[in-house]
Protein backbone atom coordinates (compact mmCIF):
# COMPACT_ATOMS: atom_id res chain seq x y z
CA MET A 1 33.81 -54.25 60.43
CA GLY A 2 33.06 -51.70 63.13
CA PHE A 3 33.40 -47.92 62.87
CA GLN A 4 33.28 -45.71 65.95
CA SER A 5 31.14 -42.74 64.97
CA SER A 6 28.95 -40.41 67.04
CA VAL A 7 25.37 -39.59 67.85
CA GLY A 8 24.31 -36.98 65.29
CA ALA A 9 26.02 -38.67 62.34
CA GLU A 10 22.66 -40.14 61.33
CA LYS A 11 21.54 -36.58 60.43
CA ARG A 12 24.15 -36.61 57.62
CA HIS A 13 24.61 -32.80 57.70
CA GLY A 14 24.14 -29.82 59.99
CA ALA A 15 25.91 -31.33 63.03
CA GLY A 16 29.20 -29.44 62.75
CA GLU A 17 32.32 -31.58 63.07
CA ILE A 18 30.17 -34.70 63.28
CA ASP A 19 29.31 -34.18 59.59
CA GLY A 20 32.78 -35.62 58.84
CA LEU A 21 31.82 -38.83 60.62
CA ALA A 22 28.58 -38.94 58.64
CA HIS A 23 30.61 -38.64 55.42
CA THR A 24 32.90 -41.47 56.55
CA GLU A 25 29.88 -43.66 57.40
CA THR A 26 28.47 -43.05 53.91
CA ALA A 27 31.84 -43.79 52.27
CA LEU A 28 32.23 -47.04 54.23
CA ASP A 29 28.69 -48.11 53.38
CA ALA A 30 29.46 -47.54 49.68
CA THR A 31 32.29 -50.09 49.78
CA GLY A 32 29.85 -52.98 50.06
CA VAL A 33 31.56 -54.26 53.21
CA ASP A 34 29.32 -55.14 56.15
CA VAL A 35 29.86 -52.21 58.57
CA THR A 36 28.45 -51.56 62.03
CA HIS A 37 28.52 -47.89 62.99
CA LEU A 38 28.91 -47.44 66.74
CA ARG A 39 27.30 -44.13 67.69
CA CYS A 40 28.25 -43.52 71.27
CA GLY A 41 26.28 -40.88 73.09
CA TYR A 42 28.84 -39.25 75.37
CA PHE A 43 32.25 -40.24 76.59
CA PHE A 44 32.98 -39.74 80.27
CA THR A 45 36.40 -38.41 79.26
CA ASN A 46 34.68 -35.42 77.59
CA LEU A 47 34.11 -34.15 81.12
CA LEU A 48 37.84 -33.44 81.31
CA LEU A 49 37.25 -30.58 78.87
CA GLN A 50 34.82 -28.98 81.34
CA LEU A 51 36.70 -29.30 84.63
CA ASP A 52 36.45 -25.61 85.53
CA ALA A 53 32.70 -25.57 84.90
CA LEU A 54 32.22 -28.78 86.86
CA ARG A 55 34.18 -27.36 89.78
CA ALA A 56 31.83 -24.37 89.64
CA GLY A 57 28.87 -26.77 89.79
CA THR A 58 27.66 -26.56 86.18
CA LEU A 59 27.63 -28.87 83.19
CA GLN A 60 26.70 -27.61 79.74
CA VAL A 61 24.45 -29.88 77.71
CA VAL A 62 23.04 -29.57 74.21
CA LEU A 63 20.00 -31.80 74.65
CA PRO A 64 17.01 -31.38 76.95
CA LEU A 65 17.87 -32.52 80.47
CA ASP A 66 15.27 -35.30 80.34
CA ALA A 67 16.55 -36.71 77.02
CA PRO A 68 18.20 -40.11 77.55
CA MET A 69 21.79 -40.49 76.36
CA ALA A 70 24.21 -43.31 76.96
CA TRP A 71 27.44 -42.32 78.71
CA VAL A 72 30.36 -44.63 78.05
CA ALA A 73 34.03 -44.99 78.87
CA PRO A 74 36.24 -45.00 75.74
CA ARG A 75 37.82 -48.30 76.79
CA GLU A 76 34.37 -49.91 76.61
CA THR A 77 34.13 -49.12 72.90
CA SER A 78 37.67 -49.99 71.82
CA PRO A 79 38.27 -53.22 69.94
CA LYS A 80 39.75 -55.94 72.09
CA SER A 81 43.30 -57.03 71.33
CA PRO A 82 43.87 -60.73 70.68
């Protein structure tokens, strides 16, 4: 089974809204089912929430600029339909 989570969930607490994903990861792990937690770094579609800033030539980030982070498209992480 795969669960789409987020970077930061591995901290288990102190990451704001991501704490809910951490709780879900823990609950799924407790079921005894084999679970893979997919912790995507950043979705390209998140940029849509910052269009005005981008048009002004800025992009807010929470990590150091030289910290590597995978950027993905949501369709790349969605389960494939049969």
